[in-house]
Amino acid sequence: MNFTFNAYYTLIAAVIVLLIGKFLVNRIEFLRKYNIPEPVAGGLVAATISTLVYNFWGYSITTSSELQTSFMLIFFISIGLSANFAKLKEGGKSLFIFLLVVSGFIIIQNFVGISLATALGIDPLIGLIAGSVSLTGGHGTAGAWGEILETKYGIEGAMALGMAAATFGLVMGGIIGGPLAKFLINR
């Protein structure tokens, strides 16, 4: 059986998942100590519960993406409004080195994605959508390019693959990034 949530119920479910994550991070020392983001903690619980409910009872939920574009625009505008060129200038040499390292990893993401897609005998554009498009660009870029790859290039499921890869990158970044940052700061 499938339950379909409209935009209102989808928003309520998202807020509940976020609040569960906030509760868990506030109560569990490990999550707080290693800076695991609240949406990641709540999302892992929601994903686990959803998987168990589907596997044991066959119930699933389809959520609405009606508000997705609006909320992504609000999110990216808020990031853009906080940009400060004076702060970038203060970063100096360290920031320039960081930029070079990140640029190198973007190239590596694309190389690995395209190479694996080619080795598996699938369209290299699928490797690209699973590479830097979604892992560096996130959900917004994956959504925009996924739609283009589906309509213009006929890559079926590019949007879903991009969203899945972006979600995987976000979750793994939260799980690995927090403990790694804590380790490096302590060092």
N, C-alpha and C. Protein backbone atom coordinates (compact mmCIF):
# COMPACT_ATOMS: atom_id res chain seq x y z
N MET A 1 0.85 -1.17 0.00
CA MET A 1 0.00 0.00 0.00
C MET A 1 0.90 1.24 0.00
N ASN A 2 0.49 2.22 -0.79
CA ASN A 2 1.28 3.44 -0.90
C ASN A 2 0.45 4.63 -0.41
N PHE A 3 1.04 5.41 0.48
CA PHE A 3 0.42 6.66 0.94
C PHE A 3 1.09 7.81 0.20
N THR A 4 0.30 8.72 -0.31
CA THR A 4 0.84 9.88 -1.02
C THR A 4 0.62 11.12 -0.17
N PHE A 5 1.73 11.80 0.14
CA PHE A 5 1.66 13.03 0.93
C PHE A 5 1.60 14.22 -0.01
N ASN A 6 0.68 15.14 0.25
CA ASN A 6 0.67 16.39 -0.50
C ASN A 6 1.77 17.30 0.05
N ALA A 7 1.89 18.51 -0.49
CA ALA A 7 2.97 19.42 -0.09
C ALA A 7 2.91 19.73 1.41
N TYR A 8 1.71 19.91 1.93
CA TYR A 8 1.53 20.25 3.35
C TYR A 8 2.05 19.13 4.25
N TYR A 9 1.63 17.89 3.98
CA TYR A 9 2.06 16.76 4.80
C TYR A 9 3.55 16.44 4.60
N THR A 10 4.04 16.68 3.40
CA THR A 10 5.48 16.49 3.15
C THR A 10 6.29 17.45 4.00
N LEU A 11 5.86 18.71 4.07
CA LEU A 11 6.54 19.70 4.89
C LEU A 11 6.49 19.32 6.37
N ILE A 12 5.35 18.86 6.82
CA ILE A 12 5.21 18.43 8.22
C ILE A 12 6.15 17.25 8.50
N ALA A 13 6.19 16.27 7.59
CA ALA A 13 7.07 15.11 7.77
C ALA A 13 8.53 15.54 7.82
N ALA A 14 8.91 16.48 6.94
CA ALA A 14 10.30 16.96 6.92
C ALA A 14 10.65 17.66 8.23
N VAL A 15 9.74 18.44 8.76
CA VAL A 15 9.99 19.13 10.03
C VAL A 15 10.11 18.12 11.17
N ILE A 16 9.27 17.10 11.16
CA ILE A 16 9.33 16.06 12.20
C ILE A 16 10.68 15.33 12.14
N VAL A 17 11.12 14.99 10.93
CA VAL A 17 12.42 14.32 10.78
C VAL A 17 13.54 15.22 11.29
N LEU A 18 13.48 16.51 10.98
CA LEU A 18 14.49 17.46 11.46
C LEU A 18 14.47 17.55 12.99
N LEU A 19 13.28 17.60 13.57
CA LEU A 19 13.18 17.67 15.04
C LEU A 19 13.68 16.40 15.71
N ILE A 20 13.44 15.25 15.09
CA ILE A 20 13.97 13.99 15.62
C ILE A 20 15.50 14.05 15.59
N GLY A 21 16.06 14.54 14.50
CA GLY A 21 17.51 14.68 14.40
C GLY A 21 18.05 15.62 15.47
N LYS A 22 17.37 16.74 15.70
CA LYS A 22 17.79 17.69 16.72
C LYS A 22 17.76 17.04 18.10
N PHE A 23 16.69 16.29 18.37
CA PHE A 23 16.56 15.59 19.64
C PHE A 23 17.70 14.59 19.82
N LEU A 24 17.99 13.81 18.79
CA LEU A 24 19.04 12.80 18.88
C LEU A 24 20.42 13.43 19.10
N VAL A 25 20.71 14.48 18.35
CA VAL A 25 22.02 15.13 18.48
C VAL A 25 22.17 15.75 19.88
N ASN A 26 21.09 16.29 20.42
CA ASN A 26 21.16 16.88 21.77
C ASN A 26 21.30 15.82 22.85
N ARG A 27 20.79 14.60 22.61
CA ARG A 27 20.78 13.56 23.64
C ARG A 27 21.94 12.56 23.54
N ILE A 28 22.48 12.38 22.34
CA ILE A 28 23.51 11.35 22.15
C ILE A 28 24.87 12.02 21.99
N GLU A 29 25.73 11.76 22.94
CA GLU A 29 27.06 12.39 22.99
C GLU A 29 27.88 12.14 21.72
N PHE A 30 27.82 10.91 21.21
CA PHE A 30 28.59 10.56 20.02
C PHE A 30 28.23 11.47 18.84
N LEU A 31 26.95 11.68 18.63
CA LEU A 31 26.51 12.54 17.51
C LEU A 31 26.97 13.98 17.71
N ARG A 32 26.87 14.45 18.93
CA ARG A 32 27.29 15.83 19.23
C ARG A 32 28.81 15.96 19.15
N LYS A 33 29.52 14.99 19.68
CA LYS A 33 30.97 15.04 19.72
C LYS A 33 31.57 15.07 18.31
N TYR A 34 30.97 14.30 17.38
CA TYR A 34 31.49 14.22 16.02
C TYR A 34 30.74 15.09 15.02
N ASN A 35 29.97 16.05 15.54
CA ASN A 35 29.30 17.05 14.69
C ASN A 35 28.45 16.44 13.57
N ILE A 36 27.72 15.39 13.88
CA ILE A 36 26.81 14.80 12.89
C ILE A 36 25.62 15.76 12.74
N PRO A 37 25.35 16.24 11.53
CA PRO A 37 24.25 17.20 11.34
C PRO A 37 22.89 16.62 11.72
N GLU A 38 22.04 17.47 12.25
CA GLU A 38 20.71 17.05 12.68
C GLU A 38 19.89 16.44 11.55
N PRO A 39 19.90 17.03 10.33
CA PRO A 39 19.13 16.41 9.25
C PRO A 39 19.64 15.01 8.88
N VAL A 40 20.94 14.79 9.02
CA VAL A 40 21.50 13.47 8.71
C VAL A 40 21.05 12.46 9.76
N ALA A 41 21.13 12.84 11.04
CA ALA A 41 20.71 11.94 12.12
C ALA A 41 19.23 11.60 11.98
N GLY A 42 18.39 12.60 11.81
CA GLY A 42 16.95 12.35 11.64
C GLY A 42 16.64 11.60 10.37
N GLY A 43 17.34 11.92 9.29
CA GLY A 43 17.12 11.26 8.01
C GLY A 43 17.48 9.79 8.04
N LEU A 44 18.55 9.45 8.76
CA LEU A 44 18.93 8.03 8.87
C LEU A 44 17.88 7.24 9.64
N VAL A 45 17.32 7.86 10.69
CA VAL A 45 16.25 7.20 11.45
C VAL A 45 15.02 7.01 10.56
N ALA A 46 14.63 8.07 9.84
CA ALA A 46 13.46 8.00 8.96
C ALA A 46 13.66 6.96 7.86
N ALA A 47 14.86 6.93 7.28
CA ALA A 47 15.14 5.96 6.21
C ALA A 47 15.09 4.53 6.74
N THR A 48 15.63 4.32 7.94
CA THR A 48 15.62 2.99 8.54
C THR A 48 14.19 2.54 8.84
N ILE A 49 13.40 3.42 9.43
CA ILE A 49 12.01 3.09 9.75
C ILE A 49 11.22 2.83 8.47
N SER A 50 11.41 3.68 7.46
CA SER A 50 10.70 3.50 6.18
C SER A 50 11.04 2.16 5.54
N THR A 51 12.32 1.81 5.58
CA THR A 51 12.75 0.54 4.99
C THR A 51 12.14 -0.64 5.73
N LEU A 52 12.16 -0.60 7.06
CA LEU A 52 11.60 -1.69 7.85
C LEU A 52 10.09 -1.82 7.63
N VAL A 53 9.38 -0.71 7.64
CA VAL A 53 7.92 -0.73 7.43
C VAL A 53 7.59 -1.28 6.05
N TYR A 54 8.35 -0.88 5.05
CA TYR A 54 8.10 -1.37 3.69
C TYR A 54 8.41 -2.86 3.58
N ASN A 55 9.53 -3.29 4.13
CA ASN A 55 9.93 -4.70 4.02
C ASN A 55 9.03 -5.64 4.80
N PHE A 56 8.53 -5.22 5.98
CA PHE A 56 7.72 -6.11 6.80
C PHE A 56 6.23 -6.01 6.52
N TRP A 57 5.73 -4.80 6.19
CA TRP A 57 4.29 -4.62 6.03
C TRP A 57 3.89 -4.14 4.62
N GLY A 58 4.86 -3.75 3.80
CA GLY A 58 4.56 -3.34 2.44
C GLY A 58 4.02 -1.92 2.29
N TYR A 59 4.10 -1.11 3.34
CA TYR A 59 3.63 0.27 3.27
C TYR A 59 4.76 1.19 2.80
N SER A 60 4.44 2.11 1.92
CA SER A 60 5.42 3.10 1.48
C SER A 60 4.77 4.47 1.40
N ILE A 61 5.61 5.49 1.36
CA ILE A 61 5.13 6.88 1.31
C ILE A 61 5.75 7.56 0.10
N THR A 62 4.92 8.23 -0.65
CA THR A 62 5.40 9.07 -1.74
C THR A 62 5.20 10.52 -1.31
N THR A 63 6.26 11.30 -1.33
CA THR A 63 6.17 12.69 -0.89
C THR A 63 6.07 13.63 -2.09
N SER A 64 5.58 14.80 -1.85
CA SER A 64 5.41 15.81 -2.90
C SER A 64 6.70 16.59 -3.09
N SER A 65 7.00 16.94 -4.33
CA SER A 65 8.15 17.80 -4.61
C SER A 65 7.70 19.20 -5.01
N GLU A 66 6.44 19.50 -4.71
CA GLU A 66 5.84 20.78 -5.10
C GLU A 66 6.59 21.99 -4.53
N LEU A 67 7.05 21.89 -3.29
CA LEU A 67 7.74 23.01 -2.65
C LEU A 67 9.26 22.96 -2.81
N GLN A 68 9.75 21.91 -3.46
CA GLN A 68 11.20 21.70 -3.56
C GLN A 68 11.92 22.88 -4.19
N THR A 69 11.45 23.34 -5.33
CA THR A 69 12.12 24.43 -6.03
C THR A 69 12.13 25.69 -5.18
N SER A 70 11.01 26.01 -4.57
CA SER A 70 10.93 27.22 -3.74
C SER A 70 11.91 27.17 -2.57
N PHE A 71 11.95 26.03 -1.88
CA PHE A 71 12.84 25.93 -0.73
C PHE A 71 14.31 25.89 -1.14
N MET A 72 14.61 25.28 -2.28
CA MET A 72 16.00 25.28 -2.74
C MET A 72 16.42 26.70 -3.11
N LEU A 73 15.54 27.46 -3.73
CA LEU A 73 15.87 28.85 -4.05
C LEU A 73 16.11 29.67 -2.79
N ILE A 74 15.26 29.48 -1.79
CA ILE A 74 15.44 30.20 -0.52
C ILE A 74 16.78 29.82 0.12
N PHE A 75 17.09 28.53 0.11
CA PHE A 75 18.35 28.06 0.69
C PHE A 75 19.56 28.69 -0.01
N PHE A 76 19.57 28.63 -1.34
CA PHE A 76 20.73 29.13 -2.07
C PHE A 76 20.82 30.66 -2.02
N ILE A 77 19.69 31.33 -1.96
CA ILE A 77 19.72 32.79 -1.79
C ILE A 77 20.33 33.15 -0.45
N SER A 78 19.95 32.40 0.60
CA SER A 78 20.49 32.71 1.94
C SER A 78 22.00 32.49 1.98
N ILE A 79 22.48 31.48 1.26
CA ILE A 79 23.93 31.27 1.19
C ILE A 79 24.58 32.42 0.43
N GLY A 80 23.98 32.80 -0.68
CA GLY A 80 24.54 33.90 -1.50
C GLY A 80 24.57 35.21 -0.75
N LEU A 81 23.55 35.48 0.05
CA LEU A 81 23.50 36.73 0.81
C LEU A 81 24.58 36.79 1.88
N SER A 82 25.06 35.62 2.32
CA SER A 82 26.10 35.61 3.36
C SER A 82 27.50 35.65 2.77
N ALA A 83 27.61 35.66 1.44
CA ALA A 83 28.94 35.72 0.81
C ALA A 83 29.59 37.07 1.10
N ASN A 84 30.89 37.03 1.36
CA ASN A 84 31.60 38.24 1.72
C ASN A 84 33.00 38.19 1.09
N PHE A 85 33.25 39.06 0.11
CA PHE A 85 34.54 39.03 -0.58
C PHE A 85 35.69 39.42 0.33
N ALA A 86 35.43 40.24 1.34
CA ALA A 86 36.50 40.61 2.27
C ALA A 86 36.99 39.37 3.02
N LYS A 87 36.03 38.51 3.41
CA LYS A 87 36.41 37.27 4.11
C LYS A 87 37.19 36.34 3.18
N LEU A 88 36.79 36.28 1.90
CA LEU A 88 37.52 35.45 0.95
C LEU A 88 38.95 35.95 0.80
N LYS A 89 39.11 37.26 0.77
CA LYS A 89 40.44 37.86 0.64
C LYS A 89 41.30 37.54 1.86
N GLU A 90 40.68 37.52 3.04
CA GLU A 90 41.40 37.20 4.28
C GLU A 90 41.95 35.78 4.25
N GLY A 91 41.29 34.90 3.51
CA GLY A 91 41.74 33.50 3.44
C GLY A 91 43.12 33.37 2.83
N GLY A 92 43.46 34.26 1.92
CA GLY A 92 44.78 34.32 1.32
C GLY A 92 45.25 33.02 0.70
N LYS A 93 46.51 32.69 0.97
CA LYS A 93 47.16 31.53 0.38
C LYS A 93 46.46 30.22 0.74
N SER A 94 46.03 30.09 1.98
CA SER A 94 45.38 28.86 2.43
C SER A 94 44.09 28.61 1.64
N LEU A 95 43.34 29.66 1.42
CA LEU A 95 42.09 29.52 0.68
C LEU A 95 42.37 29.17 -0.78
N PHE A 96 43.43 29.75 -1.35
CA PHE A 96 43.80 29.44 -2.73
C PHE A 96 44.21 27.96 -2.86
N ILE A 97 44.97 27.47 -1.89
CA ILE A 97 45.36 26.05 -1.89
C ILE A 97 44.13 25.17 -1.76
N PHE A 98 43.21 25.56 -0.88
CA PHE A 98 41.97 24.81 -0.71
C PHE A 98 41.19 24.76 -2.02
N LEU A 99 41.12 25.90 -2.71
CA LEU A 99 40.43 25.97 -4.00
C LEU A 99 41.06 25.02 -5.02
N LEU A 100 42.39 24.95 -5.05
CA LEU A 100 43.08 24.04 -5.98
C LEU A 100 42.79 22.58 -5.65
N VAL A 101 42.80 22.25 -4.35
CA VAL A 101 42.53 20.87 -3.92
C VAL A 101 41.10 20.47 -4.28
N VAL A 102 40.15 21.35 -4.00
CA VAL A 102 38.75 21.07 -4.31
C VAL A 102 38.57 20.92 -5.82
N SER A 103 39.19 21.79 -6.60
CA SER A 103 39.11 21.70 -8.06
C SER A 103 39.67 20.36 -8.55
N GLY A 104 40.75 19.92 -7.95
CA GLY A 104 41.32 18.61 -8.30
C GLY A 104 40.36 17.48 -8.01
N PHE A 105 39.69 17.55 -6.85
CA PHE A 105 38.73 16.49 -6.51
C PHE A 105 37.51 16.50 -7.43
N ILE A 106 37.12 17.67 -7.91
CA ILE A 106 36.01 17.73 -8.86
C ILE A 106 36.39 16.99 -10.14
N ILE A 107 37.60 17.19 -10.60
CA ILE A 107 38.08 16.50 -11.80
C ILE A 107 38.15 15.00 -11.54
N ILE A 108 38.63 14.60 -10.36
CA ILE A 108 38.72 13.18 -10.01
C ILE A 108 37.32 12.55 -9.96
N GLN A 109 36.34 13.27 -9.38
CA GLN A 109 34.96 12.75 -9.32
C GLN A 109 34.44 12.45 -10.73
N ASN A 110 34.67 13.38 -11.63
CA ASN A 110 34.20 13.19 -13.01
C ASN A 110 34.95 12.05 -13.70
N PHE A 111 36.25 11.99 -13.49
CA PHE A 111 37.05 10.93 -14.10
C PHE A 111 36.58 9.56 -13.62
N VAL A 112 36.40 9.40 -12.32
CA VAL A 112 35.96 8.12 -11.76
C VAL A 112 34.55 7.79 -12.25
N GLY A 113 33.63 8.76 -12.22
CA GLY A 113 32.26 8.51 -12.66
C GLY A 113 32.17 8.11 -14.11
N ILE A 114 32.85 8.86 -14.98
CA ILE A 114 32.81 8.57 -16.42
C ILE A 114 33.53 7.25 -16.71
N SER A 115 34.65 7.01 -16.04
CA SER A 115 35.40 5.76 -16.26
C SER A 115 34.58 4.54 -15.84
N LEU A 116 33.93 4.62 -14.67
CA LEU A 116 33.12 3.48 -14.21
C LEU A 116 31.93 3.26 -15.13
N ALA A 117 31.29 4.34 -15.56
CA ALA A 117 30.15 4.20 -16.48
C ALA A 117 30.59 3.54 -17.78
N THR A 118 31.70 3.97 -18.32
CA THR A 118 32.22 3.40 -19.55
C THR A 118 32.58 1.93 -19.36
N ALA A 119 33.23 1.61 -18.24
CA ALA A 119 33.61 0.22 -17.95
C ALA A 119 32.38 -0.67 -17.79
N LEU A 120 31.29 -0.11 -17.28
CA LEU A 120 30.06 -0.89 -17.09
C LEU A 120 29.20 -0.92 -18.35
N GLY A 121 29.65 -0.22 -19.39
CA GLY A 121 28.92 -0.23 -20.64
C GLY A 121 27.68 0.65 -20.67
N ILE A 122 27.65 1.66 -19.81
CA ILE A 122 26.51 2.59 -19.82
C ILE A 122 26.97 3.97 -20.26
N ASP A 123 26.03 4.82 -20.54
CA ASP A 123 26.33 6.15 -21.06
C ASP A 123 27.23 6.92 -20.08
N PRO A 124 28.33 7.50 -20.56
CA PRO A 124 29.24 8.26 -19.70
C PRO A 124 28.56 9.45 -19.00
N LEU A 125 27.46 9.95 -19.59
CA LEU A 125 26.74 11.04 -18.93
C LEU A 125 26.14 10.60 -17.60
N ILE A 126 25.84 9.31 -17.47
CA ILE A 126 25.35 8.79 -16.19
C ILE A 126 26.46 8.88 -15.15
N GLY A 127 27.69 8.61 -15.57
CA GLY A 127 28.83 8.76 -14.66
C GLY A 127 29.04 10.20 -14.27
N LEU A 128 28.73 11.11 -15.18
CA LEU A 128 28.87 12.54 -14.89
C LEU A 128 27.83 13.00 -13.88
N ILE A 129 26.58 12.55 -14.04
CA ILE A 129 25.53 12.96 -13.10
C ILE A 129 25.81 12.37 -11.71
N ALA A 130 26.46 11.20 -11.66
CA ALA A 130 26.81 10.60 -10.37
C ALA A 130 28.14 11.13 -9.85
N GLY A 131 28.82 11.95 -10.65
CA GLY A 131 30.11 12.53 -10.26
C GLY A 131 29.93 13.91 -9.66
N SER A 132 30.65 14.88 -10.20
CA SER A 132 30.66 16.21 -9.59
C SER A 132 29.34 16.94 -9.71
N VAL A 133 28.51 16.58 -10.70
CA VAL A 133 27.22 17.27 -10.84
C VAL A 133 26.44 17.16 -9.54
N SER A 134 26.35 15.96 -8.99
CA SER A 134 25.58 15.78 -7.76
C SER A 134 26.44 15.83 -6.50
N LEU A 135 27.69 15.34 -6.57
CA LEU A 135 28.50 15.30 -5.36
C LEU A 135 29.06 16.67 -4.98
N THR A 136 29.35 17.50 -5.97
CA THR A 136 29.83 18.85 -5.68
C THR A 136 28.68 19.84 -5.75
N GLY A 137 27.83 19.69 -6.76
CA GLY A 137 26.73 20.63 -6.96
C GLY A 137 25.56 20.43 -6.03
N GLY A 138 25.38 19.24 -5.52
CA GLY A 138 24.29 18.96 -4.60
C GLY A 138 22.97 18.73 -5.31
N HIS A 139 21.90 18.76 -4.54
CA HIS A 139 20.57 18.45 -5.05
C HIS A 139 20.09 19.44 -6.11
N GLY A 140 20.38 20.70 -5.92
CA GLY A 140 19.93 21.70 -6.89
C GLY A 140 20.54 21.49 -8.25
N THR A 141 21.84 21.28 -8.30
CA THR A 141 22.53 21.06 -9.57
C THR A 141 22.11 19.73 -10.17
N ALA A 142 21.98 18.70 -9.34
CA ALA A 142 21.55 17.39 -9.83
C ALA A 142 20.14 17.46 -10.42
N GLY A 143 19.27 18.23 -9.78
CA GLY A 143 17.91 18.38 -10.29
C GLY A 143 17.89 19.11 -11.62
N ALA A 144 18.66 20.18 -11.72
CA ALA A 144 18.69 20.97 -12.95
C ALA A 144 19.29 20.16 -14.10
N TRP A 145 20.45 19.55 -13.88
CA TRP A 145 21.10 18.78 -14.94
C TRP A 145 20.38 17.47 -15.21
N GLY A 146 19.79 16.87 -14.17
CA GLY A 146 19.03 15.64 -14.37
C GLY A 146 17.89 15.83 -15.35
N GLU A 147 17.19 16.93 -15.21
CA GLU A 147 16.08 17.25 -16.12
C GLU A 147 16.60 17.45 -17.55
N ILE A 148 17.72 18.16 -17.68
CA ILE A 148 18.31 18.39 -19.01
C ILE A 148 18.75 17.08 -19.64
N LEU A 149 19.40 16.22 -18.84
CA LEU A 149 19.88 14.94 -19.37
C LEU A 149 18.72 14.03 -19.77
N GLU A 150 17.60 14.12 -19.05
CA GLU A 150 16.44 13.31 -19.39
C GLU A 150 15.77 13.81 -20.67
N THR A 151 15.53 15.12 -20.75
CA THR A 151 14.78 15.65 -21.89
C THR A 151 15.62 15.82 -23.14
N LYS A 152 16.82 16.33 -22.99
CA LYS A 152 17.65 16.65 -24.16
C LYS A 152 18.47 15.47 -24.66
N TYR A 153 18.93 14.63 -23.73
CA TYR A 153 19.83 13.53 -24.10
C TYR A 153 19.20 12.15 -23.96
N GLY A 154 17.97 12.09 -23.47
CA GLY A 154 17.25 10.82 -23.37
C GLY A 154 17.79 9.85 -22.34
N ILE A 155 18.44 10.36 -21.31
CA ILE A 155 18.97 9.49 -20.24
C ILE A 155 17.84 9.27 -19.23
N GLU A 156 17.23 8.10 -19.28
CA GLU A 156 16.10 7.81 -18.40
C GLU A 156 16.56 7.67 -16.95
N GLY A 157 15.88 8.34 -16.04
CA GLY A 157 16.19 8.26 -14.62
C GLY A 157 17.36 9.11 -14.16
N ALA A 158 17.83 10.05 -14.99
CA ALA A 158 18.98 10.88 -14.61
C ALA A 158 18.67 11.73 -13.38
N MET A 159 17.44 12.25 -13.30
CA MET A 159 17.06 13.07 -12.15
C MET A 159 17.09 12.25 -10.86
N ALA A 160 16.50 11.07 -10.90
CA ALA A 160 16.48 10.21 -9.70
C ALA A 160 17.89 9.79 -9.31
N LEU A 161 18.71 9.46 -10.28
CA LEU A 161 20.09 9.07 -10.00
C LEU A 161 20.86 10.24 -9.39
N GLY A 162 20.68 11.43 -9.96
CA GLY A 162 21.35 12.62 -9.43
C GLY A 162 20.94 12.91 -8.00
N MET A 163 19.64 12.80 -7.71
CA MET A 163 19.15 13.05 -6.35
C MET A 163 19.68 12.01 -5.37
N ALA A 164 19.72 10.75 -5.83
CA ALA A 164 20.24 9.68 -4.97
C ALA A 164 21.73 9.89 -4.69
N ALA A 165 22.50 10.25 -5.73
CA ALA A 165 23.93 10.48 -5.55
C ALA A 165 24.18 11.69 -4.65
N ALA A 166 23.39 12.75 -4.83
CA ALA A 166 23.55 13.94 -3.99
C ALA A 166 23.21 13.62 -2.53
N THR A 167 22.17 12.83 -2.33
CA THR A 167 21.79 12.44 -0.96
C THR A 167 22.88 11.57 -0.34
N PHE A 168 23.40 10.62 -1.11
CA PHE A 168 24.49 9.78 -0.63
C PHE A 168 25.69 10.64 -0.24
N GLY A 169 26.05 11.59 -1.11
CA GLY A 169 27.18 12.47 -0.82
C GLY A 169 26.95 13.31 0.43
N LEU A 170 25.74 13.80 0.59
CA LEU A 170 25.41 14.62 1.74
C LEU A 170 25.48 13.82 3.04
N VAL A 171 24.89 12.64 3.01
CA VAL A 171 24.90 11.79 4.21
C VAL A 171 26.32 11.35 4.55
N MET A 172 27.07 10.87 3.56
CA MET A 172 28.43 10.43 3.83
C MET A 172 29.33 11.59 4.25
N GLY A 173 29.09 12.76 3.66
CA GLY A 173 29.84 13.94 4.07
C GLY A 173 29.59 14.28 5.53
N GLY A 174 28.33 14.13 5.96
CA GLY A 174 28.00 14.39 7.36
C GLY A 174 28.57 13.35 8.30
N ILE A 175 28.51 12.09 7.89
CA ILE A 175 29.00 11.00 8.75
C ILE A 175 30.52 11.00 8.82
N ILE A 176 31.19 11.23 7.69
CA ILE A 176 32.65 11.19 7.67
C ILE A 176 33.24 12.56 8.03
N GLY A 177 32.62 13.63 7.53
CA GLY A 177 33.18 14.97 7.72
C GLY A 177 33.24 15.42 9.16
N GLY A 178 32.20 15.13 9.94
CA GLY A 178 32.18 15.55 11.34
C GLY A 178 33.31 14.94 12.15
N PRO A 179 33.43 13.61 12.17
CA PRO A 179 34.54 13.00 12.91
C PRO A 179 35.92 13.41 12.38
N LEU A 180 36.05 13.54 11.07
CA LEU A 180 37.33 13.95 10.50
C LEU A 180 37.68 15.37 10.92
N ALA A 181 36.71 16.27 10.86
CA ALA A 181 36.95 17.65 11.29
C ALA A 181 37.33 17.69 12.77
N LYS A 182 36.64 16.92 13.59
CA LYS A 182 36.94 16.87 15.03
C LYS A 182 38.37 16.39 15.24
N PHE A 183 38.77 15.34 14.53
CA PHE A 183 40.12 14.80 14.64
C PHE A 183 41.16 15.87 14.24
N LEU A 184 40.92 16.53 13.11
CA LEU A 184 41.88 17.52 12.63
C LEU A 184 41.96 18.75 13.55
N ILE A 185 40.84 19.16 14.09
CA ILE A 185 40.83 20.28 15.03
C ILE A 185 41.59 19.94 16.30
N ASN A 186 41.36 18.73 16.82
CA ASN A 186 42.07 18.30 18.03
C ASN A 186 43.57 18.17 17.80
N ARG A 187 43.93 17.78 16.57
CA ARG A 187 45.33 17.61 16.23
C ARG A 187 46.00 18.96 16.14
